[in-house]
C-alpha atoms as a PDB file:
ATOM      1  CA  MET A   1       0.246  29.448 -54.308  1.00  0.00           C
ATOM      2  CA  PRO A   2       1.174  29.077 -50.596  1.00  0.00           C
ATOM      3  CA  VAL A   3      -1.741  28.459 -48.242  1.00  0.00           C
ATOM      4  CA  VAL A   4      -2.194  28.895 -44.487  1.00  0.00           C
ATOM      5  CA  ILE A   5      -4.626  26.546 -42.725  1.00  0.00           C
ATOM      6  CA  PHE A   6      -6.174  27.543 -39.384  1.00  0.00           C
ATOM      7  CA  SER A   7      -7.982  25.129 -37.102  1.00  0.00           C
ATOM      8  CA  ARG A   8     -10.158  27.280 -34.807  1.00  0.00           C
ATOM      9  CA  PRO A   9     -12.682  25.486 -32.576  1.00  0.00           C
ATOM     10  CA  ASP A  10     -15.508  27.375 -30.868  1.00  0.00           C
ATOM     11  CA  TRP A  11     -17.458  25.682 -28.083  1.00  0.00           C
ATOM     12  CA  ASN A  12     -18.476  26.237 -24.475  1.00  0.00           C
ATOM     13  CA  ASP A  13     -14.966  26.210 -22.988  1.00  0.00           C
ATOM     14  CA  THR A  14     -13.235  29.255 -21.495  1.00  0.00           C
ATOM     15  CA  ALA A  15      -9.759  28.674 -22.981  1.00  0.00           C
ATOM     16  CA  THR A  16     -11.290  27.882 -26.374  1.00  0.00           C
ATOM     17  CA  GLN A  17     -13.257  31.133 -26.371  1.00  0.00           C
ATOM     18  CA  TYR A  18     -10.103  33.172 -25.902  1.00  0.00           C
ATOM     19  CA  GLY A  19      -8.154  31.121 -28.428  1.00  0.00           C
ATOM     20  CA  LYS A  20     -10.936  31.469 -30.990  1.00  0.00           C
ATOM     21  CA  TYR A  21     -10.871  35.241 -30.684  1.00  0.00           C
ATOM     22  CA  TRP A  22      -7.111  35.799 -30.730  1.00  0.00           C
ATOM     23  CA  THR A  23      -6.518  33.271 -33.519  1.00  0.00           C
ATOM     24  CA  GLY A  24      -9.096  35.201 -35.497  1.00  0.00           C
ATOM     25  CA  GLU A  25      -7.028  38.346 -34.921  1.00  0.00           C
ATOM     26  CA  LEU A  26      -3.984  36.547 -36.352  1.00  0.00           C
ATOM     27  CA  GLU A  27      -5.973  35.569 -39.434  1.00  0.00           C
ATOM     28  CA  LYS A  28      -6.454  39.284 -40.165  1.00  0.00           C
ATOM     29  CA  LYS A  29      -2.653  39.652 -40.406  1.00  0.00           C
ATOM     30  CA  CYS A  30      -2.100  36.635 -42.679  1.00  0.00           C
ATOM     31  CA  PRO A  31      -0.693  37.744 -46.065  1.00  0.00           C
ATOM     32  CA  PHE A  32      -1.486  34.447 -47.792  1.00  0.00           C
ATOM     33  CA  PRO A  33      -4.679  32.714 -48.900  1.00  0.00           C
ATOM     34  CA  LEU A  34      -6.094  31.000 -45.850  1.00  0.00           C
ATOM     35  CA  VAL A  35      -8.425  28.179 -44.989  1.00  0.00           C
ATOM     36  CA  ASP A  36     -10.377  28.887 -41.804  1.00  0.00           C
ATOM     37  CA  LEU A  37     -11.526  25.602 -40.276  1.00  0.00           C
ATOM     38  CA  TYR A  38     -13.846  27.272 -37.788  1.00  0.00           C
ATOM     39  CA  LYS A  39     -16.149  25.674 -35.256  1.00  0.00           C
ATOM     40  CA  GLU A  40     -17.679  22.505 -36.771  1.00  0.00           C
ATOM     41  CA  LEU A  41     -14.945  22.471 -39.415  1.00  0.00           C
ATOM     42  CA  ALA A  42     -12.343  22.215 -36.646  1.00  0.00           C
ATOM     43  CA  ARG A  43     -12.776  18.447 -36.581  1.00  0.00           C
ATOM     44  CA  ARG A  44     -10.575  15.620 -37.806  1.00  0.00           C
ATOM     45  CA  ALA A  45     -12.133  14.963 -41.224  1.00  0.00           C
ATOM     46  CA  PRO A  46     -12.091  18.597 -42.447  1.00  0.00           C
ATOM     47  CA  ASN A  47      -8.533  19.036 -41.161  1.00  0.00           C
ATOM     48  CA  GLU A  48      -7.324  15.880 -42.868  1.00  0.00           C
ATOM     49  CA  SER A  49      -9.028  16.930 -46.085  1.00  0.00           C
ATOM     50  CA  ALA A  50      -7.489  20.425 -45.974  1.00  0.00           C
ATOM     51  CA  ILE A  51      -3.927  19.220 -45.381  1.00  0.00           C
ATOM     52  CA  GLN A  52      -4.238  16.565 -48.095  1.00  0.00           C
ATOM     53  CA  LYS A  53      -5.306  19.274 -50.541  1.00  0.00           C
ATOM     54  CA  ASP A  54      -2.420  21.595 -49.546  1.00  0.00           C
ATOM     55  CA  PRO A  55       0.218  19.299 -48.029  1.00  0.00           C
ATOM     56  CA  ASP A  56       2.944  21.990 -47.887  1.00  0.00           C
ATOM     57  CA  ALA A  57       0.708  24.549 -46.146  1.00  0.00           C
ATOM     58  CA  PHE A  58       1.553  26.458 -42.991  1.00  0.00           C
ATOM     59  CA  TYR A  59      -0.787  24.925 -40.435  1.00  0.00           C
ATOM     60  CA  TYR A  60      -1.770  26.921 -37.328  1.00  0.00           C
ATOM     61  CA  GLY A  61      -3.808  24.917 -34.862  1.00  0.00           C
ATOM     62  CA  PHE A  62      -5.363  26.080 -31.618  1.00  0.00           C
ATOM     63  CA  GLY A  63      -6.960  23.577 -29.272  1.00  0.00           C
ATOM     64  CA  HIS A  64      -6.540  21.421 -26.208  1.00  0.00           C
ATOM     65  CA  GLY A  65      -3.933  18.694 -26.261  1.00  0.00           C
ATOM     66  CA  ASN A  66      -1.635  16.355 -24.426  1.00  0.00           C
ATOM     67  CA  ALA A  67       1.622  14.588 -25.192  1.00  0.00           C
ATOM     68  CA  ASP A  68      -0.055  12.259 -27.707  1.00  0.00           C
ATOM     69  CA  THR A  69      -3.032  14.183 -29.095  1.00  0.00           C
ATOM     70  CA  PHE A  70      -4.061  17.521 -30.583  1.00  0.00           C
ATOM     71  CA  THR A  71      -7.796  18.217 -30.473  1.00  0.00           C
ATOM     72  CA  GLY A  72     -10.347  20.596 -31.984  1.00  0.00           C
ATOM     73  CA  GLN A  73     -14.088  21.113 -31.722  1.00  0.00           C
ATOM     74  CA  ASP A  74     -15.608  19.483 -28.617  1.00  0.00           C
ATOM     75  CA  LEU A  75     -12.227  17.872 -27.863  1.00  0.00           C
ATOM     76  CA  GLU A  76     -12.392  15.749 -31.018  1.00  0.00           C
ATOM     77  CA  THR A  77      -8.963  14.334 -31.859  1.00  0.00           C
ATOM     78  CA  ILE A  78      -7.448  15.971 -34.950  1.00  0.00           C
ATOM     79  CA  ILE A  79      -3.810  14.818 -34.950  1.00  0.00           C
ATOM     80  CA  PHE A  80      -2.488  11.662 -33.305  1.00  0.00           C
ATOM     81  CA  ALA A  81      -0.057   8.854 -34.060  1.00  0.00           C
ATOM     82  CA  ASN A  82      -2.235   7.241 -36.747  1.00  0.00           C
ATOM     83  CA  ASN A  83      -2.489  10.303 -39.025  1.00  0.00           C
ATOM     84  CA  ILE A  84       0.432  12.597 -38.160  1.00  0.00           C
ATOM     85  CA  GLN A  85       2.161  11.602 -41.423  1.00  0.00           C
ATOM     86  CA  LEU A  86      -0.407  13.719 -43.310  1.00  0.00           C
ATOM     87  CA  TRP A  87       1.425  16.797 -41.970  1.00  0.00           C
ATOM     88  CA  ASN A  88       4.930  15.632 -43.011  1.00  0.00           C
ATOM     89  CA  ALA A  89       5.276  18.257 -45.761  1.00  0.00           C
ATOM     90  CA  ALA A  90       3.629  21.068 -43.775  1.00  0.00           C
ATOM     91  CA  TRP A  91       4.968  23.615 -41.326  1.00  0.00           C
ATOM     92  CA  VAL A  92       2.975  23.053 -38.152  1.00  0.00           C
ATOM     93  CA  HIS A  93       2.512  25.450 -35.238  1.00  0.00           C
ATOM     94  CA  LEU A  94       0.236  24.302 -32.443  1.00  0.00           C
ATOM     95  CA  LEU A  95      -0.923  26.516 -29.601  1.00  0.00           C
ATOM     96  CA  SER A  96      -1.822  23.599 -27.390  1.00  0.00           C
ATOM     97  CA  CYS A  97      -0.697  22.106 -24.112  1.00  0.00           C
ATOM     98  CA  GLU A  98       2.027  19.437 -24.020  1.00  0.00           C
ATOM     99  CA  VAL A  99       1.745  18.217 -27.625  1.00  0.00           C
ATOM    100  CA  PHE A 100       5.436  18.820 -28.228  1.00  0.00           C
ATOM    101  CA  ALA A 101       6.410  16.691 -25.268  1.00  0.00           C
ATOM    102  CA  ARG A 102       6.097  13.662 -27.574  1.00  0.00           C
ATOM    103  CA  LEU A 103       3.710  13.704 -30.573  1.00  0.00           C
ATOM    104  CA  GLY A 104       4.806  17.091 -31.894  1.00  0.00           C
ATOM    105  CA  LEU A 105       8.442  16.032 -32.006  1.00  0.00           C
ATOM    106  CA  LYS A 106       7.532  13.836 -34.997  1.00  0.00           C
ATOM    107  CA  PHE A 107       6.697  16.817 -37.221  1.00  0.00           C
ATOM    108  CA  PRO A 108       9.576  17.442 -39.667  1.00  0.00           C
ATOM    109  CA  ASN A 109       8.900  21.187 -39.303  1.00  0.00           C
ATOM    110  CA  GLY A 110       7.082  21.803 -36.057  1.00  0.00           C
ATOM    111  CA  SER A 111       6.602  24.498 -33.433  1.00  0.00           C
ATOM    112  CA  GLY A 112       4.748  24.236 -30.140  1.00  0.00           C
ATOM    113  CA  TYR A 113       4.861  23.684 -26.406  1.00  0.00           C
ATOM    114  CA  ASN A 114       6.104  20.700 -24.430  1.00  0.00           C
ATOM    115  CA  LYS A 115       4.305  21.644 -21.205  1.00  0.00           C
ATOM    116  CA  THR A 116       0.994  23.210 -20.223  1.00  0.00           C
ATOM    117  CA  PHE A 117       0.430  26.616 -21.858  1.00  0.00           C
ATOM    118  CA  TYR A 118      -0.917  29.018 -19.236  1.00  0.00           C
ATOM    119  CA  PHE A 119      -2.438  32.466 -19.736  1.00  0.00           C
ATOM    120  CA  TYR A 120      -4.282  34.973 -17.596  1.00  0.00           C
ATOM    121  CA  ILE A 121      -7.747  36.282 -18.398  1.00  0.00           C
ATOM    122  CA  ASN A 122      -9.856  39.207 -17.305  1.00  0.00           C
ATOM    123  CA  VAL A 123     -12.865  40.714 -19.054  1.00  0.00           C
ATOM    124  CA  TYR A 124     -13.143  38.920 -22.430  1.00  0.00           C
ATOM    125  CA  PRO A 125     -11.094  39.156 -24.613  1.00  0.00           C
ATOM    126  CA  ASN A 126      -8.819  41.715 -22.814  1.00  0.00           C
ATOM    127  CA  ASP A 127      -5.190  42.752 -23.036  1.00  0.00           C
ATOM    128  CA  VAL A 128      -4.137  40.547 -20.125  1.00  0.00           C
ATOM    129  CA  ALA A 129      -4.661  37.538 -22.380  1.00  0.00           C
ATOM    130  CA  LYS A 130      -3.382  39.386 -25.445  1.00  0.00           C
ATOM    131  CA  GLN A 131       0.219  39.397 -24.224  1.00  0.00           C
ATOM    132  CA  TYR A 132       0.225  35.588 -24.227  1.00  0.00           C
ATOM    133  CA  PHE A 133      -1.454  35.106 -27.596  1.00  0.00           C
ATOM    134  CA  ASP A 134       0.453  37.907 -29.319  1.00  0.00           C
ATOM    135  CA  SER A 135       3.766  36.432 -28.149  1.00  0.00           C
ATOM    136  CA  ASP A 136       2.825  33.009 -29.499  1.00  0.00           C
ATOM    137  CA  GLN A 137       1.769  34.481 -32.844  1.00  0.00           C
ATOM    138  CA  GLN A 138       5.190  36.008 -33.494  1.00  0.00           C
ATOM    139  CA  PHE A 139       6.379  32.619 -34.753  1.00  0.00           C
ATOM    140  CA  ALA A 140       3.829  32.537 -37.567  1.00  0.00           C
ATOM    141  CA  LEU A 141       4.318  36.215 -38.423  1.00  0.00           C
ATOM    142  CA  ALA A 142       8.092  35.761 -38.694  1.00  0.00           C
ATOM    143  CA  VAL A 143       7.797  32.620 -40.852  1.00  0.00           C
ATOM    144  CA  TRP A 144       5.369  34.411 -43.174  1.00  0.00           C
ATOM    145  CA  ALA A 145       7.895  37.256 -43.444  1.00  0.00           C
ATOM    146  CA  GLY A 146      10.536  34.825 -44.723  1.00  0.00           C
ATOM    147  CA  LYS A 147      12.501  34.280 -41.511  1.00  0.00           C
ATOM    148  CA  THR A 148      14.135  30.977 -40.628  1.00  0.00           C
ATOM    149  CA  LYS A 149      12.627  28.665 -38.058  1.00  0.00           C
ATOM    150  CA  ALA A 150      15.247  29.700 -35.489  1.00  0.00           C
ATOM    151  CA  GLU A 151      14.651  33.391 -36.192  1.00  0.00           C
ATOM    152  CA  ALA A 152      10.915  32.859 -35.805  1.00  0.00           C
ATOM    153  CA  GLN A 153      11.396  31.121 -32.473  1.00  0.00           C
ATOM    154  CA  LYS A 154      13.604  33.980 -31.310  1.00  0.00           C
ATOM    155  CA  ALA A 155      10.908  36.472 -32.285  1.00  0.00           C
ATOM    156  CA  LEU A 156       8.385  34.505 -30.210  1.00  0.00           C
ATOM    157  CA  LYS A 157      10.648  34.259 -27.171  1.00  0.00           C
ATOM    158  CA  ASP A 158      11.720  37.903 -27.401  1.00  0.00           C
ATOM    159  CA  LYS A 159       8.075  39.012 -27.427  1.00  0.00           C
ATOM    160  CA  PHE A 160       7.299  36.949 -24.311  1.00  0.00           C
ATOM    161  CA  THR A 161      10.272  38.627 -22.599  1.00  0.00           C
ATOM    162  CA  GLU A 162       9.259  42.080 -23.822  1.00  0.00           C
ATOM    163  CA  TYR A 163       5.766  41.713 -22.365  1.00  0.00           C
ATOM    164  CA  TYR A 164       7.169  40.323 -19.116  1.00  0.00           C
ATOM    165  CA  ASN A 165       9.461  43.333 -18.661  1.00  0.00           C
ATOM    166  CA  ALA A 166       6.723  45.868 -19.473  1.00  0.00           C
ATOM    167  CA  PRO A 167       4.386  47.340 -16.832  1.00  0.00           C
ATOM    168  CA  GLY A 168       1.077  45.556 -16.384  1.00  0.00           C
ATOM    169  CA  GLN A 169      -0.729  42.648 -14.772  1.00  0.00           C
ATOM    170  CA  GLY A 170      -0.985  38.917 -15.312  1.00  0.00           C
ATOM    171  CA  LYS A 171       2.613  38.279 -16.352  1.00  0.00           C
ATOM    172  CA  ASP A 172       3.564  35.379 -14.094  1.00  0.00           C
ATOM    173  CA  TYR A 173       3.386  32.666 -16.760  1.00  0.00           C
ATOM    174  CA  LEU A 174       5.048  34.539 -19.633  1.00  0.00           C
ATOM    175  CA  PRO A 175       8.538  33.127 -18.848  1.00  0.00           C
ATOM    176  CA  TRP A 176       7.041  29.648 -18.357  1.00  0.00           C
ATOM    177  CA  ASP A 177       5.335  29.624 -21.755  1.00  0.00           C
ATOM    178  CA  ARG A 178       8.411  31.135 -23.414  1.00  0.00           C
ATOM    179  CA  ASP A 179      10.719  28.484 -22.043  1.00  0.00           C
ATOM    180  CA  CYS A 180       8.525  25.492 -22.943  1.00  0.00           C
ATOM    181  CA  HIS A 181       8.338  26.445 -26.642  1.00  0.00           C
ATOM    182  CA  VAL A 182      10.292  24.108 -28.933  1.00  0.00           C
ATOM    183  CA  ILE A 183      10.888  23.657 -32.647  1.00  0.00           C
ATOM    184  CA  THR A 184      11.679  20.546 -34.682  1.00  0.00           C
ATOM    185  CA  GLY A 185      13.733  20.003 -37.831  1.00  0.00           C
ATOM    186  CA  ASP A 186      16.367  22.236 -39.364  1.00  0.00           C
ATOM    187  CA  PRO A 187      16.457  25.545 -37.435  1.00  0.00           C
ATOM    188  CA  ASN A 188      17.821  27.324 -40.510  1.00  0.00           C
ATOM    189  CA  ALA A 189      15.004  26.168 -42.795  1.00  0.00           C
ATOM    190  CA  LYS A 190      12.451  28.558 -44.257  1.00  0.00           C
ATOM    191  CA  TRP A 191       8.894  27.732 -45.185  1.00  0.00           C
ATOM    192  CA  THR A 192       8.886  26.992 -48.908  1.00  0.00           C
ATOM    193  CA  GLY A 193       5.531  28.679 -49.249  1.00  0.00           C
ATOM    194  CA  VAL A 194       7.250  32.050 -48.922  1.00  0.00           C
ATOM    195  CA  GLN A 195       8.472  33.282 -52.276  1.00  0.00           C
ATOM    196  CA  GLY A 196      11.673  35.279 -52.312  1.00  0.00           C
ATOM    197  CA  ILE A 197      15.390  34.889 -51.629  1.00  0.00           C
ATOM    198  CA  LYS A 198      16.403  31.472 -50.374  1.00  0.00           C
ATOM    199  CA  ARG A 199      20.099  32.201 -49.830  1.00  0.00           C
ATOM    200  CA  ILE A 200      22.967  34.446 -50.912  1.00  0.00           C
ATOM    201  CA  THR A 201      26.475  32.992 -50.995  1.00  0.00           C
ATOM    202  CA  ALA A 202      29.635  35.098 -51.224  1.00  0.00           C
ATOM    203  CA  PHE A 203      32.900  34.160 -52.989  1.00  0.00           C
ATOM    204  CA  TYR A 204      36.155  36.071 -53.409  1.00  0.00           C
ATOM    205  CA  LYS A 205      38.612  36.242 -56.319  1.00  0.00           C
ATOM    206  CA  TYR A 206      42.242  37.204 -55.665  1.00  0.00           C
ATOM    207  CA  GLU A 207      44.141  39.040 -58.404  1.00  0.00           C
ATOM    208  CA  GLY A 208      42.579  37.206 -61.319  1.00  0.00           C
ATOM    209  CA  GLY A 209      42.309  33.793 -59.657  1.00  0.00           C
ATOM    210  CA  GLY A 210      39.286  31.558 -59.377  1.00  0.00           C
ATOM    211  CA  GLU A 211      36.291  31.912 -57.099  1.00  0.00           C
ATOM    212  CA  ILE A 212      36.788  30.780 -53.502  1.00  0.00           C
ATOM    213  CA  ALA A 213      33.787  30.425 -51.185  1.00  0.00           C
ATOM    214  CA  ILE A 214      33.403  32.702 -48.189  1.00  0.00           C
ATOM    215  CA  GLY A 215      30.041  31.309 -47.099  1.00  0.00           C
ATOM    216  CA  ASP A 216      26.295  31.924 -46.903  1.00  0.00           C
ATOM    217  CA  MET A 217      25.331  35.441 -45.905  1.00  0.00           C
ATOM    218  CA  THR A 218      22.970  36.307 -43.035  1.00  0.00           C
ATOM    219  CA  SER A 219      19.805  38.274 -43.726  1.00  0.00           C
ATOM    220  CA  GLY A 220      18.959  41.286 -41.598  1.00  0.00           C
ATOM    221  CA  GLU A 221      16.636  44.234 -41.491  1.00  0.00           C
ATOM    222  CA  ASP A 222      15.857  46.400 -44.511  1.00  0.00           C
ATOM    223  CA  ASP A 223      16.763  43.587 -46.949  1.00  0.00           C
ATOM    224  CA  GLN A 224      20.458  43.744 -46.024  1.00  0.00           C
ATOM    225  CA  TRP A 225      22.687  40.657 -45.982  1.00  0.00           C
ATOM    226  CA  THR A 226      26.068  40.382 -44.259  1.00  0.00           C
ATOM    227  CA  ILE A 227      28.983  38.023 -43.718  1.00  0.00           C
ATOM    228  CA  THR A 228      32.376  38.393 -42.021  1.00  0.00           C
ATOM    229  CA  TRP A 229      35.441  37.817 -44.221  1.00  0.00           C
ATOM    230  CA  LYS A 230      39.129  38.076 -43.379  1.00  0.00           C
ATOM    231  CA  PRO A 231      41.383  38.419 -46.480  1.00  0.00           C
ATOM    232  CA  LEU A 232      44.371  36.089 -46.274  1.00  0.00           C
ATOM    233  CA  ALA A 233      46.777  38.516 -47.974  1.00  0.00           C
ATOM    234  CA  GLU A 234      47.096  42.060 -49.176  1.00  0.00           C
ATOM    235  CA  GLY A 235      46.324  42.668 -52.835  1.00  0.00           C
ATOM    236  CA  GLY A 236      43.533  43.050 -55.369  1.00  0.00           C
ATOM    237  CA  TYR A 237      40.195  41.323 -54.789  1.00  0.00           C
ATOM    238  CA  SER A 238      36.719  41.158 -56.212  1.00  0.00           C
ATOM    239  CA  ILE A 239      33.648  39.640 -54.559  1.00  0.00           C
ATOM    240  CA  VAL A 240      31.135  37.416 -56.351  1.00  0.00           C
ATOM    241  CA  TYR A 241      27.597  37.037 -54.981  1.00  0.00           C
ATOM    242  CA  TYR A 242      25.251  34.213 -55.949  1.00  0.00           C
ATOM    243  CA  GLY A 243      21.601  34.680 -55.003  1.00  0.00           C
ATOM    244  CA  GLU A 244      19.146  31.781 -55.163  1.00  0.00           C
ATOM    245  CA  ASP A 245      15.395  32.330 -54.968  1.00  0.00           C
ATOM    246  CA  THR A 246      12.760  29.913 -53.753  1.00  0.00           C
ATOM    247  CA  GLU A 247      11.815  29.123 -57.346  1.00  0.00           C
ATOM    248  CA  GLY A 248      15.332  27.833 -58.108  1.00  0.00           C
ATOM    249  CA  GLY A 249      16.514  30.900 -60.046  1.00  0.00           C
ATOM    250  CA  ILE A 250      20.167  32.025 -59.719  1.00  0.00           C
ATOM    251  CA  LYS A 251      21.550  35.553 -59.957  1.00  0.00           C
ATOM    252  CA  ARG A 252      25.331  36.233 -60.132  1.00  0.00           C
ATOM    253  CA  VAL A 253      26.841  39.644 -59.397  1.00  0.00           C
ATOM    254  CA  GLU A 254      30.569  40.494 -59.249  1.00  0.00           C
ATOM    255  CA  THR A 255      32.031  43.659 -57.782  1.00  0.00           C
ATOM    256  CA  GLY A 256      34.843  45.622 -59.366  1.00  0.00           C
ATOM    257  CA  VAL A 257      38.420  45.021 -58.161  1.00  0.00           C
ATOM    258  CA  PHE A 258      39.371  46.716 -54.887  1.00  0.00           C
ATOM    259  CA  ASN A 259      42.722  46.690 -53.089  1.00  0.00           C
ATOM    260  CA  VAL A 260      43.162  45.477 -49.543  1.00  0.00           C
ATOM    261  CA  LYS A 261      46.094  46.674 -47.456  1.00  0.00           C
ATOM    262  CA  TYR A 262      46.545  45.525 -43.907  1.00  0.00           C
ATOM    263  CA  PRO A 263      46.414  48.366 -41.393  1.00  0.00           C
ATOM    264  CA  PRO A 264      49.574  49.227 -39.462  1.00  0.00           C
ATOM    265  CA  SER A 265      49.699  48.231 -35.828  1.00  0.00           C
ATOM    266  CA  GLY A 266      47.719  50.481 -33.554  1.00  0.00           C
ATOM    267  CA  ILE A 267      50.523  50.552 -30.984  1.00  0.00           C
ATOM    268  CA  THR A 268      52.259  53.887 -30.302  1.00  0.00           C
ATOM    269  CA  ILE A 269      55.530  53.719 -28.311  1.00  0.00           C
ATOM    270  CA  THR A 270      57.177  56.866 -26.932  1.00  0.00           C
ATOM    271  CA  PRO A 271      60.587  56.428 -25.230  1.00  0.00           C
ATOM    272  CA  ILE A 272      60.810  58.188 -21.872  1.00  0.00           C
ATOM    273  CA  SER A 273      64.189  57.058 -20.616  1.00  0.00           C
ATOM    274  CA  PRO A 274      66.581  56.918 -22.270  1.00  0.00           C
ATOM    275  CA  LYS A 275      65.203  59.036 -25.090  1.00  0.00           C
ATOM    276  CA  GLY A 276      68.522  59.368 -26.966  1.00  0.00           C
ATOM    277  CA  GLY A 277      71.048  62.196 -27.058  1.00  0.00           C
ATOM    278  CA  GLU A 278      71.800  62.145 -23.329  1.00  0.00           C
ATOM    279  CA  SER A 279      75.132  61.072 -21.654  1.00  0.00           C
ATOM    280  CA  ILE A 280      74.522  58.335 -19.078  1.00  0.00           C
ATOM    281  CA  VAL A 281      77.067  57.066 -16.518  1.00  0.00           C
ATOM    282  CA  ALA A 282      75.710  53.824 -15.096  1.00  0.00           C
ATOM    283  CA  ARG A 283      76.291  50.064 -14.867  1.00  0.00           C
ATOM    284  CA  GLU A 284      72.597  49.262 -15.424  1.00  0.00           C
ATOM    285  CA  LEU A 285      69.643  51.091 -16.895  1.00  0.00           C
ATOM    286  CA  THR A 286      65.919  51.082 -16.296  1.00  0.00           C
ATOM    287  CA  LEU A 287      64.121  51.391 -19.601  1.00  0.00           C
ATOM    288  CA  GLN A 288      60.887  53.337 -19.488  1.00  0.00           C
ATOM    289  CA  ILE A 289      58.298  53.970 -22.202  1.00  0.00           C
ATOM    290  CA  GLU A 290      54.716  55.006 -22.643  1.00  0.00           C
ATOM    291  CA  ALA A 291      52.640  52.656 -24.801  1.00  0.00           C
ATOM    292  CA  THR A 292      49.087  53.139 -26.059  1.00  0.00           C
ATOM    293  CA  TYR A 293      46.869  51.327 -28.514  1.00  0.00           C
ATOM    294  CA  GLN A 294      44.193  52.656 -30.838  1.00  0.00           C
ATOM    295  CA  LYS A 295      42.478  50.249 -33.201  1.00  0.00           C
ATOM    296  CA  PRO A 296      43.235  51.487 -36.725  1.00  0.00           C
ATOM    297  CA  MET A 297      40.669  51.640 -39.525  1.00  0.00           C
ATOM    298  CA  ARG A 298      41.197  49.164 -42.333  1.00  0.00           C
ATOM    299  CA  ARG A 299      42.096  50.899 -45.558  1.00  0.00           C
ATOM    300  CA  ARG A 300      40.811  49.732 -48.935  1.00  0.00           C
END
């Protein structure tokens, strides 16, 4: 069963108070069993114990940091060079300053910020701060929904931009935070804790021949998958789809045969002069036409 681990310190520090609250709001949206390392549990020993118990967890950490250290309760070091290997199998997202300038780059599947993370505050916990925390949380929400690492980063960056372009106050640092977010590892990877479709690959068969790969399809909204394919010849085709789930199961589906015929050219040419049928006395002619183009629909 996939597990999400949160490290959520709570002590007399302004930034920590806001992070504690908004990380708690994210926990309410988590669809997986979670471990909430709150307050005194947001220290090194409980964090090390939790990740050793669930090494392939999604780990969301909030706390102060620098290029070589991620901290928790009372600035106690949680992750540093001597223990970072404990998180090698995990997906790690850290809402922390500068960790991904150096230390965070060692995570095989990491997400975080390589510079100082700034946010505005007003009356606690307020919507001025929300736009910063909500933007950051889009990465976790997208990963939990089965998106790739790159898609999750795009969701995060798009939300920062959306808030920046909307009316309101306290937006100055939204582009800064957006642009200093980085990911590590394969951008097309998905968190293995999410159960579902891992990939769908399309093949074509031409008039009774063997299967020839088209490529991996791209997932989109409403469970739809797409890929662009250009048939090399006219004739009869069928398409074979292979779906692989995260548990290693394979499903094969083949369409019926359909015929592909290339569309005619979309060019229309109408002679203006000469059109034909006239009697012309001349030693040279100027040829004149009208030519238009309309993209034709492909017929199947």
